[in-house]
């Protein structure tokens, strides 16, 4: 028996992508990205449009560090300043 379920690609505020059944609304915090198809087609689409799977906030933080616009956080095992 073949899967005839239609899916839609959904995206959250961190630009993370997921597949969701097209017949239902996406869960809270997710929005429809505008692509529908079979599971295979949707997976291929996500692979094309989401090459860097890190969350948006992490990508921004790393870019700021690379640009020198944000201080690097101290390692978790560093002693507290003034302590």
PDB file of N, CA and C in Angstrom:
ATOM      1  N   UNK A   1       0.851  -1.186   0.000  1.00  0.00           N
ATOM      2  CA  UNK A   1       0.000   0.000   0.000  1.00  0.00           C
ATOM      3  C   UNK A   1       0.889   1.239   0.000  1.00  0.00           C
ATOM      4  N   UNK A   2       0.676   2.158  -0.927  1.00  0.00           N
ATOM      5  CA  UNK A   2       1.506   3.349  -1.012  1.00  0.00           C
ATOM      6  C   UNK A   2       0.900   4.472  -0.176  1.00  0.00           C
ATOM      7  N   UNK A   3       1.788   5.348   0.291  1.00  0.00           N
ATOM      8  CA  UNK A   3       1.365   6.485   1.102  1.00  0.00           C
ATOM      9  C   UNK A   3       0.929   7.606   0.173  1.00  0.00           C
ATOM     10  N   UNK A   4      -0.329   7.983   0.245  1.00  0.00           N
ATOM     11  CA  UNK A   4      -0.844   9.062  -0.597  1.00  0.00           C
ATOM     12  C   UNK A   4      -1.027  10.349   0.196  1.00  0.00           C
ATOM     13  N   UNK A   5      -0.525  10.377   1.416  1.00  0.00           N
ATOM     14  CA  UNK A   5      -0.638  11.570   2.257  1.00  0.00           C
ATOM     15  C   UNK A   5       0.090  12.734   1.606  1.00  0.00           C
ATOM     16  N   UNK A   6      -0.573  13.874   1.544  1.00  0.00           N
ATOM     17  CA  UNK A   6       0.062  15.103   1.065  1.00  0.00           C
ATOM     18  C   UNK A   6       0.602  15.845   2.277  1.00  0.00           C
ATOM     19  N   UNK A   7       1.793  16.371   2.126  1.00  0.00           N
ATOM     20  CA  UNK A   7       2.444  17.102   3.205  1.00  0.00           C
ATOM     21  C   UNK A   7       2.657  18.548   2.794  1.00  0.00           C
ATOM     22  N   UNK A   8       2.909  19.367   3.788  1.00  0.00           N
ATOM     23  CA  UNK A   8       3.311  20.741   3.550  1.00  0.00           C
ATOM     24  C   UNK A   8       4.560  20.998   4.382  1.00  0.00           C
ATOM     25  N   UNK A   9       5.404  21.889   3.888  1.00  0.00           N
ATOM     26  CA  UNK A   9       6.588  22.268   4.632  1.00  0.00           C
ATOM     27  C   UNK A   9       6.191  23.425   5.544  1.00  0.00           C
ATOM     28  N   UNK A  10       6.568  23.306   6.805  1.00  0.00           N
ATOM     29  CA  UNK A  10       6.290  24.363   7.773  1.00  0.00           C
ATOM     30  C   UNK A  10       7.618  24.853   8.348  1.00  0.00           C
ATOM     31  N   UNK A  11       7.615  26.115   8.822  1.00  0.00           N
ATOM     32  CA  UNK A  11       8.823  26.763   9.319  1.00  0.00           C
ATOM     33  C   UNK A  11       8.474  27.479  10.615  1.00  0.00           C
ATOM     34  N   UNK A  12       9.424  27.483  11.562  1.00  0.00           N
ATOM     35  CA  UNK A  12       9.202  28.232  12.798  1.00  0.00           C
ATOM     36  C   UNK A  12      10.059  29.500  12.802  1.00  0.00           C
ATOM     37  N   UNK A  13      10.010  30.260  13.881  1.00  0.00           N
ATOM     38  CA  UNK A  13      10.743  31.524  13.959  1.00  0.00           C
ATOM     39  C   UNK A  13      12.254  31.341  13.959  1.00  0.00           C
ATOM     40  N   UNK A  14      12.732  30.151  14.249  1.00  0.00           N
ATOM     41  CA  UNK A  14      14.165  29.853  14.207  1.00  0.00           C
ATOM     42  C   UNK A  14      14.579  29.340  12.827  1.00  0.00           C
ATOM     43  N   UNK A  15      13.657  29.427  11.858  1.00  0.00           N
ATOM     44  CA  UNK A  15      13.857  28.972  10.488  1.00  0.00           C
ATOM     45  C   UNK A  15      14.147  27.475  10.404  1.00  0.00           C
ATOM     46  N   UNK A  16      13.620  26.722  11.355  1.00  0.00           N
ATOM     47  CA  UNK A  16      13.702  25.270  11.305  1.00  0.00           C
ATOM     48  C   UNK A  16      12.524  24.788  10.469  1.00  0.00           C
ATOM     49  N   UNK A  17      12.758  23.810   9.633  1.00  0.00           N
ATOM     50  CA  UNK A  17      11.742  23.290   8.719  1.00  0.00           C
ATOM     51  C   UNK A  17      11.262  21.927   9.180  1.00  0.00           C
ATOM     52  N   UNK A  18      10.022  21.625   8.869  1.00  0.00           N
ATOM     53  CA  UNK A  18       9.443  20.322   9.189  1.00  0.00           C
ATOM     54  C   UNK A  18       8.364  20.000   8.174  1.00  0.00           C
ATOM     55  N   UNK A  19       8.003  18.734   8.105  1.00  0.00           N
ATOM     56  CA  UNK A  19       6.894  18.286   7.265  1.00  0.00           C
ATOM     57  C   UNK A  19       5.681  18.088   8.150  1.00  0.00           C
ATOM     58  N   UNK A  20       4.531  18.495   7.635  1.00  0.00           N
ATOM     59  CA  UNK A  20       3.294  18.403   8.398  1.00  0.00           C
ATOM     60  C   UNK A  20       2.190  17.977   7.443  1.00  0.00           C
ATOM     61  N   UNK A  21       1.280  17.131   7.871  1.00  0.00           N
ATOM     62  CA  UNK A  21       0.185  16.742   6.972  1.00  0.00           C
ATOM     63  C   UNK A  21      -0.548  17.977   6.444  1.00  0.00           C
ATOM     64  N   UNK A  22      -0.757  18.029   5.133  1.00  0.00           N
ATOM     65  CA  UNK A  22      -1.353  19.201   4.496  1.00  0.00           C
ATOM     66  C   UNK A  22      -2.811  19.413   4.896  1.00  0.00           C
ATOM     67  N   UNK A  23      -3.470  18.367   5.341  1.00  0.00           N
ATOM     68  CA  UNK A  23      -4.896  18.489   5.680  1.00  0.00           C
ATOM     69  C   UNK A  23      -5.125  19.147   7.045  1.00  0.00           C
ATOM     70  N   UNK A  24      -4.056  19.377   7.798  1.00  0.00           N
ATOM     71  CA  UNK A  24      -4.200  19.985   9.119  1.00  0.00           C
ATOM     72  C   UNK A  24      -3.372  21.259   9.216  1.00  0.00           C
ATOM     73  N   UNK A  25      -3.812  22.140  10.078  1.00  0.00           N
ATOM     74  CA  UNK A  25      -3.076  23.381  10.320  1.00  0.00           C
ATOM     75  C   UNK A  25      -1.781  23.060  11.062  1.00  0.00           C
ATOM     76  N   UNK A  26      -0.745  23.837  10.815  1.00  0.00           N
ATOM     77  CA  UNK A  26       0.507  23.584  11.539  1.00  0.00           C
ATOM     78  C   UNK A  26       0.330  23.853  13.032  1.00  0.00           C
ATOM     79  N   UNK A  27       1.193  23.260  13.847  1.00  0.00           N
ATOM     80  CA  UNK A  27       1.102  23.491  15.290  1.00  0.00           C
ATOM     81  C   UNK A  27       1.478  24.922  15.639  1.00  0.00           C
ATOM     82  N   UNK A  28       1.151  25.331  16.844  1.00  0.00           N
ATOM     83  CA  UNK A  28       1.479  26.679  17.323  1.00  0.00           C
ATOM     84  C   UNK A  28       2.978  26.929  17.166  1.00  0.00           C
ATOM     85  N   UNK A  29       3.311  28.115  16.683  1.00  0.00           N
ATOM     86  CA  UNK A  29       4.704  28.490  16.517  1.00  0.00           C
ATOM     87  C   UNK A  29       5.274  28.144  15.149  1.00  0.00           C
ATOM     88  N   UNK A  30       4.487  27.513  14.308  1.00  0.00           N
ATOM     89  CA  UNK A  30       4.921  27.126  12.974  1.00  0.00           C
ATOM     90  C   UNK A  30       4.012  27.769  11.940  1.00  0.00           C
ATOM     91  N   UNK A  31       4.541  28.054  10.763  1.00  0.00           N
ATOM     92  CA  UNK A  31       3.749  28.634   9.670  1.00  0.00           C
ATOM     93  C   UNK A  31       4.015  27.834   8.396  1.00  0.00           C
ATOM     94  N   UNK A  32       3.058  27.853   7.505  1.00  0.00           N
ATOM     95  CA  UNK A  32       3.185  27.150   6.233  1.00  0.00           C
ATOM     96  C   UNK A  32       4.216  27.883   5.369  1.00  0.00           C
ATOM     97  N   UNK A  33       5.153  27.133   4.808  1.00  0.00           N
ATOM     98  CA  UNK A  33       6.222  27.727   3.993  1.00  0.00           C
ATOM     99  C   UNK A  33       5.838  27.855   2.531  1.00  0.00           C
ATOM    100  N   UNK A  34       4.716  27.226   2.116  1.00  0.00           N
ATOM    101  CA  UNK A  34       4.245  27.375   0.747  1.00  0.00           C
ATOM    102  C   UNK A  34       4.604  26.237  -0.183  1.00  0.00           C
ATOM    103  N   UNK A  35       5.134  25.143   0.337  1.00  0.00           N
ATOM    104  CA  UNK A  35       5.443  23.995  -0.514  1.00  0.00           C
ATOM    105  C   UNK A  35       4.634  22.809  -0.042  1.00  0.00           C
ATOM    106  N   UNK A  36       3.984  22.125  -0.998  1.00  0.00           N
ATOM    107  CA  UNK A  36       3.192  20.918  -0.703  1.00  0.00           C
ATOM    108  C   UNK A  36       3.597  19.813  -1.656  1.00  0.00           C
ATOM    109  N   UNK A  37       3.464  18.590  -1.188  1.00  0.00           N
ATOM    110  CA  UNK A  37       3.756  17.448  -2.053  1.00  0.00           C
ATOM    111  C   UNK A  37       3.817  16.174  -1.243  1.00  0.00           C
ATOM    112  N   UNK A  38       4.371  15.153  -1.858  1.00  0.00           N
ATOM    113  CA  UNK A  38       4.555  13.882  -1.157  1.00  0.00           C
ATOM    114  C   UNK A  38       5.650  14.070  -0.094  1.00  0.00           C
ATOM    115  N   UNK A  39       5.781  13.080   0.753  1.00  0.00           N
ATOM    116  CA  UNK A  39       6.832  13.149   1.771  1.00  0.00           C
ATOM    117  C   UNK A  39       8.203  13.282   1.103  1.00  0.00           C
ATOM    118  N   UNK A  40       8.409  12.526   0.059  1.00  0.00           N
ATOM    119  CA  UNK A  40       9.688  12.560  -0.661  1.00  0.00           C
ATOM    120  C   UNK A  40       9.933  13.929  -1.298  1.00  0.00           C
ATOM    121  N   UNK A  41       8.914  14.507  -1.930  1.00  0.00           N
ATOM    122  CA  UNK A  41       9.059  15.822  -2.560  1.00  0.00           C
ATOM    123  C   UNK A  41       9.325  16.901  -1.519  1.00  0.00           C
ATOM    124  N   UNK A  42       8.608  16.844  -0.412  1.00  0.00           N
ATOM    125  CA  UNK A  42       8.800  17.847   0.644  1.00  0.00           C
ATOM    126  C   UNK A  42      10.180  17.719   1.281  1.00  0.00           C
ATOM    127  N   UNK A  43      10.621  16.489   1.494  1.00  0.00           N
ATOM    128  CA  UNK A  43      11.956  16.279   2.061  1.00  0.00           C
ATOM    129  C   UNK A  43      13.020  16.824   1.119  1.00  0.00           C
ATOM    130  N   UNK A  44      12.881  16.583  -0.170  1.00  0.00           N
ATOM    131  CA  UNK A  44      13.835  17.102  -1.158  1.00  0.00           C
ATOM    132  C   UNK A  44      13.832  18.629  -1.157  1.00  0.00           C
ATOM    133  N   UNK A  45      12.649  19.226  -1.035  1.00  0.00           N
ATOM    134  CA  UNK A  45      12.550  20.686  -0.983  1.00  0.00           C
ATOM    135  C   UNK A  45      13.275  21.226   0.244  1.00  0.00           C
ATOM    136  N   UNK A  46      13.037  20.622   1.392  1.00  0.00           N
ATOM    137  CA  UNK A  46      13.695  21.067   2.627  1.00  0.00           C
ATOM    138  C   UNK A  46      15.212  20.931   2.487  1.00  0.00           C
ATOM    139  N   UNK A  47      15.676  19.853   1.910  1.00  0.00           N
ATOM    140  CA  UNK A  47      17.114  19.676   1.695  1.00  0.00           C
ATOM    141  C   UNK A  47      17.696  20.796   0.835  1.00  0.00           C
ATOM    142  N   UNK A  48      16.925  21.284  -0.134  1.00  0.00           N
ATOM    143  CA  UNK A  48      17.402  22.360  -1.011  1.00  0.00           C
ATOM    144  C   UNK A  48      17.409  23.711  -0.316  1.00  0.00           C
ATOM    145  N   UNK A  49      16.364  24.011   0.450  1.00  0.00           N
ATOM    146  CA  UNK A  49      16.210  25.370   0.990  1.00  0.00           C
ATOM    147  C   UNK A  49      16.761  25.548   2.393  1.00  0.00           C
ATOM    148  N   UNK A  50      17.146  24.458   3.051  1.00  0.00           N
ATOM    149  CA  UNK A  50      17.614  24.555   4.438  1.00  0.00           C
ATOM    150  C   UNK A  50      18.937  23.826   4.592  1.00  0.00           C
ATOM    151  N   UNK A  51      20.004  24.318   3.944  1.00  0.00           N
ATOM    152  CA  UNK A  51      21.284  23.619   3.989  1.00  0.00           C
ATOM    153  C   UNK A  51      21.987  23.721   5.346  1.00  0.00           C
ATOM    154  N   UNK A  52      21.748  24.781   6.079  1.00  0.00           N
ATOM    155  CA  UNK A  52      22.368  24.975   7.388  1.00  0.00           C
ATOM    156  C   UNK A  52      21.291  24.777   8.445  1.00  0.00           C
ATOM    157  N   UNK A  53      21.293  23.624   9.094  1.00  0.00           N
ATOM    158  CA  UNK A  53      20.179  23.285   9.985  1.00  0.00           C
ATOM    159  C   UNK A  53      20.297  23.881  11.377  1.00  0.00           C
ATOM    160  N   UNK A  54      21.312  24.692  11.610  1.00  0.00           N
ATOM    161  CA  UNK A  54      21.414  25.332  12.927  1.00  0.00           C
ATOM    162  C   UNK A  54      20.284  26.353  13.080  1.00  0.00           C
ATOM    163  N   UNK A  55      19.752  26.520  14.296  1.00  0.00           N
ATOM    164  CA  UNK A  55      18.703  27.512  14.512  1.00  0.00           C
ATOM    165  C   UNK A  55      19.194  28.922  14.152  1.00  0.00           C
ATOM    166  N   UNK A  56      18.293  29.770  13.723  1.00  0.00           N
ATOM    167  CA  UNK A  56      18.618  31.133  13.306  1.00  0.00           C
ATOM    168  C   UNK A  56      19.358  31.892  14.399  1.00  0.00           C
ATOM    169  N   UNK A  57      18.921  31.771  15.645  1.00  0.00           N
ATOM    170  CA  UNK A  57      19.574  32.516  16.730  1.00  0.00           C
ATOM    171  C   UNK A  57      21.037  32.115  16.877  1.00  0.00           C
ATOM    172  N   UNK A  58      21.357  30.845  16.708  1.00  0.00           N
ATOM    173  CA  UNK A  58      22.743  30.394  16.793  1.00  0.00           C
ATOM    174  C   UNK A  58      23.545  30.920  15.608  1.00  0.00           C
ATOM    175  N   UNK A  59      22.985  30.855  14.407  1.00  0.00           N
ATOM    176  CA  UNK A  59      23.690  31.382  13.234  1.00  0.00           C
ATOM    177  C   UNK A  59      23.994  32.858  13.399  1.00  0.00           C
ATOM    178  N   UNK A  60      23.036  33.606  13.919  1.00  0.00           N
ATOM    179  CA  UNK A  60      23.253  35.051  14.136  1.00  0.00           C
ATOM    180  C   UNK A  60      24.341  35.294  15.177  1.00  0.00           C
ATOM    181  N   UNK A  61      24.287  34.549  16.280  1.00  0.00           N
ATOM    182  CA  UNK A  61      25.285  34.711  17.340  1.00  0.00           C
ATOM    183  C   UNK A  61      26.688  34.411  16.815  1.00  0.00           C
ATOM    184  N   UNK A  62      26.830  33.338  16.074  1.00  0.00           N
ATOM    185  CA  UNK A  62      28.135  32.991  15.527  1.00  0.00           C
ATOM    186  C   UNK A  62      28.601  34.018  14.507  1.00  0.00           C
ATOM    187  N   UNK A  63      27.693  34.552  13.709  1.00  0.00           N
ATOM    188  CA  UNK A  63      28.055  35.584  12.737  1.00  0.00           C
ATOM    189  C   UNK A  63      28.507  36.861  13.440  1.00  0.00           C
ATOM    190  N   UNK A  64      27.836  37.209  14.538  1.00  0.00           N
ATOM    191  CA  UNK A  64      28.233  38.405  15.297  1.00  0.00           C
ATOM    192  C   UNK A  64      29.633  38.238  15.883  1.00  0.00           C
ATOM    193  N   UNK A  65      29.919  37.063  16.400  1.00  0.00           N
ATOM    194  CA  UNK A  65      31.261  36.794  16.933  1.00  0.00           C
ATOM    195  C   UNK A  65      32.303  36.880  15.833  1.00  0.00           C
ATOM    196  N   UNK A  66      31.992  36.328  14.683  1.00  0.00           N
ATOM    197  CA  UNK A  66      32.931  36.341  13.565  1.00  0.00           C
ATOM    198  C   UNK A  66      33.187  37.771  13.082  1.00  0.00           C
ATOM    199  N   UNK A  67      32.167  38.627  13.160  1.00  0.00           N
ATOM    200  CA  UNK A  67      32.295  40.029  12.755  1.00  0.00           C
ATOM    201  C   UNK A  67      32.930  40.880  13.846  1.00  0.00           C
ATOM    202  N   UNK A  68      33.047  40.317  15.050  1.00  0.00           N
ATOM    203  CA  UNK A  68      33.589  41.074  16.167  1.00  0.00           C
ATOM    204  C   UNK A  68      32.600  42.039  16.775  1.00  0.00           C
ATOM    205  N   UNK A  69      31.305  41.842  16.520  1.00  0.00           N
ATOM    206  CA  UNK A  69      30.301  42.773  17.028  1.00  0.00           C
ATOM    207  C   UNK A  69      29.683  42.325  18.337  1.00  0.00           C
ATOM    208  N   UNK A  70      30.033  41.126  18.790  1.00  0.00           N
ATOM    209  CA  UNK A  70      29.482  40.638  20.061  1.00  0.00           C
ATOM    210  C   UNK A  70      30.584  39.925  20.826  1.00  0.00           C
ATOM    211  N   UNK A  71      30.659  40.163  22.132  1.00  0.00           N
ATOM    212  CA  UNK A  71      31.680  39.476  22.915  1.00  0.00           C
ATOM    213  C   UNK A  71      31.368  37.990  23.030  1.00  0.00           C
ATOM    214  N   UNK A  72      32.400  37.203  23.047  1.00  0.00           N
ATOM    215  CA  UNK A  72      32.222  35.765  23.240  1.00  0.00           C
ATOM    216  C   UNK A  72      31.864  35.500  24.690  1.00  0.00           C
ATOM    217  N   UNK A  73      30.979  34.578  24.912  1.00  0.00           N
ATOM    218  CA  UNK A  73      30.597  34.209  26.270  1.00  0.00           C
ATOM    219  C   UNK A  73      31.732  33.437  26.923  1.00  0.00           C
ATOM    220  N   UNK A  74      31.862  33.616  28.238  1.00  0.00           N
ATOM    221  CA  UNK A  74      32.874  32.879  28.988  1.00  0.00           C
ATOM    222  C   UNK A  74      32.484  31.418  29.068  1.00  0.00           C
ATOM    223  N   UNK A  75      33.443  30.521  29.029  1.00  0.00           N
ATOM    224  CA  UNK A  75      33.108  29.105  29.187  1.00  0.00           C
ATOM    225  C   UNK A  75      32.399  28.855  30.510  1.00  0.00           C
ATOM    226  N   UNK A  76      31.553  27.841  30.533  1.00  0.00           N
ATOM    227  CA  UNK A  76      30.756  27.538  31.723  1.00  0.00           C
ATOM    228  C   UNK A  76      31.600  27.203  32.933  1.00  0.00           C
ATOM    229  N   UNK A  77      32.823  26.687  32.729  1.00  0.00           N
ATOM    230  CA  UNK A  77      33.653  26.316  33.868  1.00  0.00           C
ATOM    231  C   UNK A  77      34.596  27.424  34.298  1.00  0.00           C
ATOM    232  N   UNK A  78      34.455  28.632  33.737  1.00  0.00           N
ATOM    233  CA  UNK A  78      35.289  29.767  34.134  1.00  0.00           C
ATOM    234  C   UNK A  78      34.798  30.331  35.441  1.00  0.00           C
ATOM    235  N   UNK A  79      35.733  30.805  36.281  1.00  0.00           N
ATOM    236  CA  UNK A  79      35.305  31.434  37.545  1.00  0.00           C
ATOM    237  C   UNK A  79      34.573  32.738  37.260  1.00  0.00           C
ATOM    238  N   UNK A  80      33.637  33.062  38.105  1.00  0.00           N
ATOM    239  CA  UNK A  80      32.871  34.294  37.946  1.00  0.00           C
ATOM    240  C   UNK A  80      33.779  35.485  38.214  1.00  0.00           C
ATOM    241  N   UNK A  81      33.555  36.573  37.485  1.00  0.00           N
ATOM    242  CA  UNK A  81      34.314  37.799  37.662  1.00  0.00           C
ATOM    243  C   UNK A  81      33.970  38.371  39.024  1.00  0.00           C
ATOM    244  N   UNK A  82      35.009  38.755  39.757  1.00  0.00           N
ATOM    245  CA  UNK A  82      34.795  39.361  41.070  1.00  0.00           C
ATOM    246  C   UNK A  82      34.459  38.352  42.143  1.00  0.00           C
ATOM    247  N   UNK A  83      34.616  37.062  41.855  1.00  0.00           N
ATOM    248  CA  UNK A  83      34.212  36.060  42.806  1.00  0.00           C
ATOM    249  C   UNK A  83      35.289  35.269  43.392  1.00  0.00           C
TER     250      UNK A  83
END
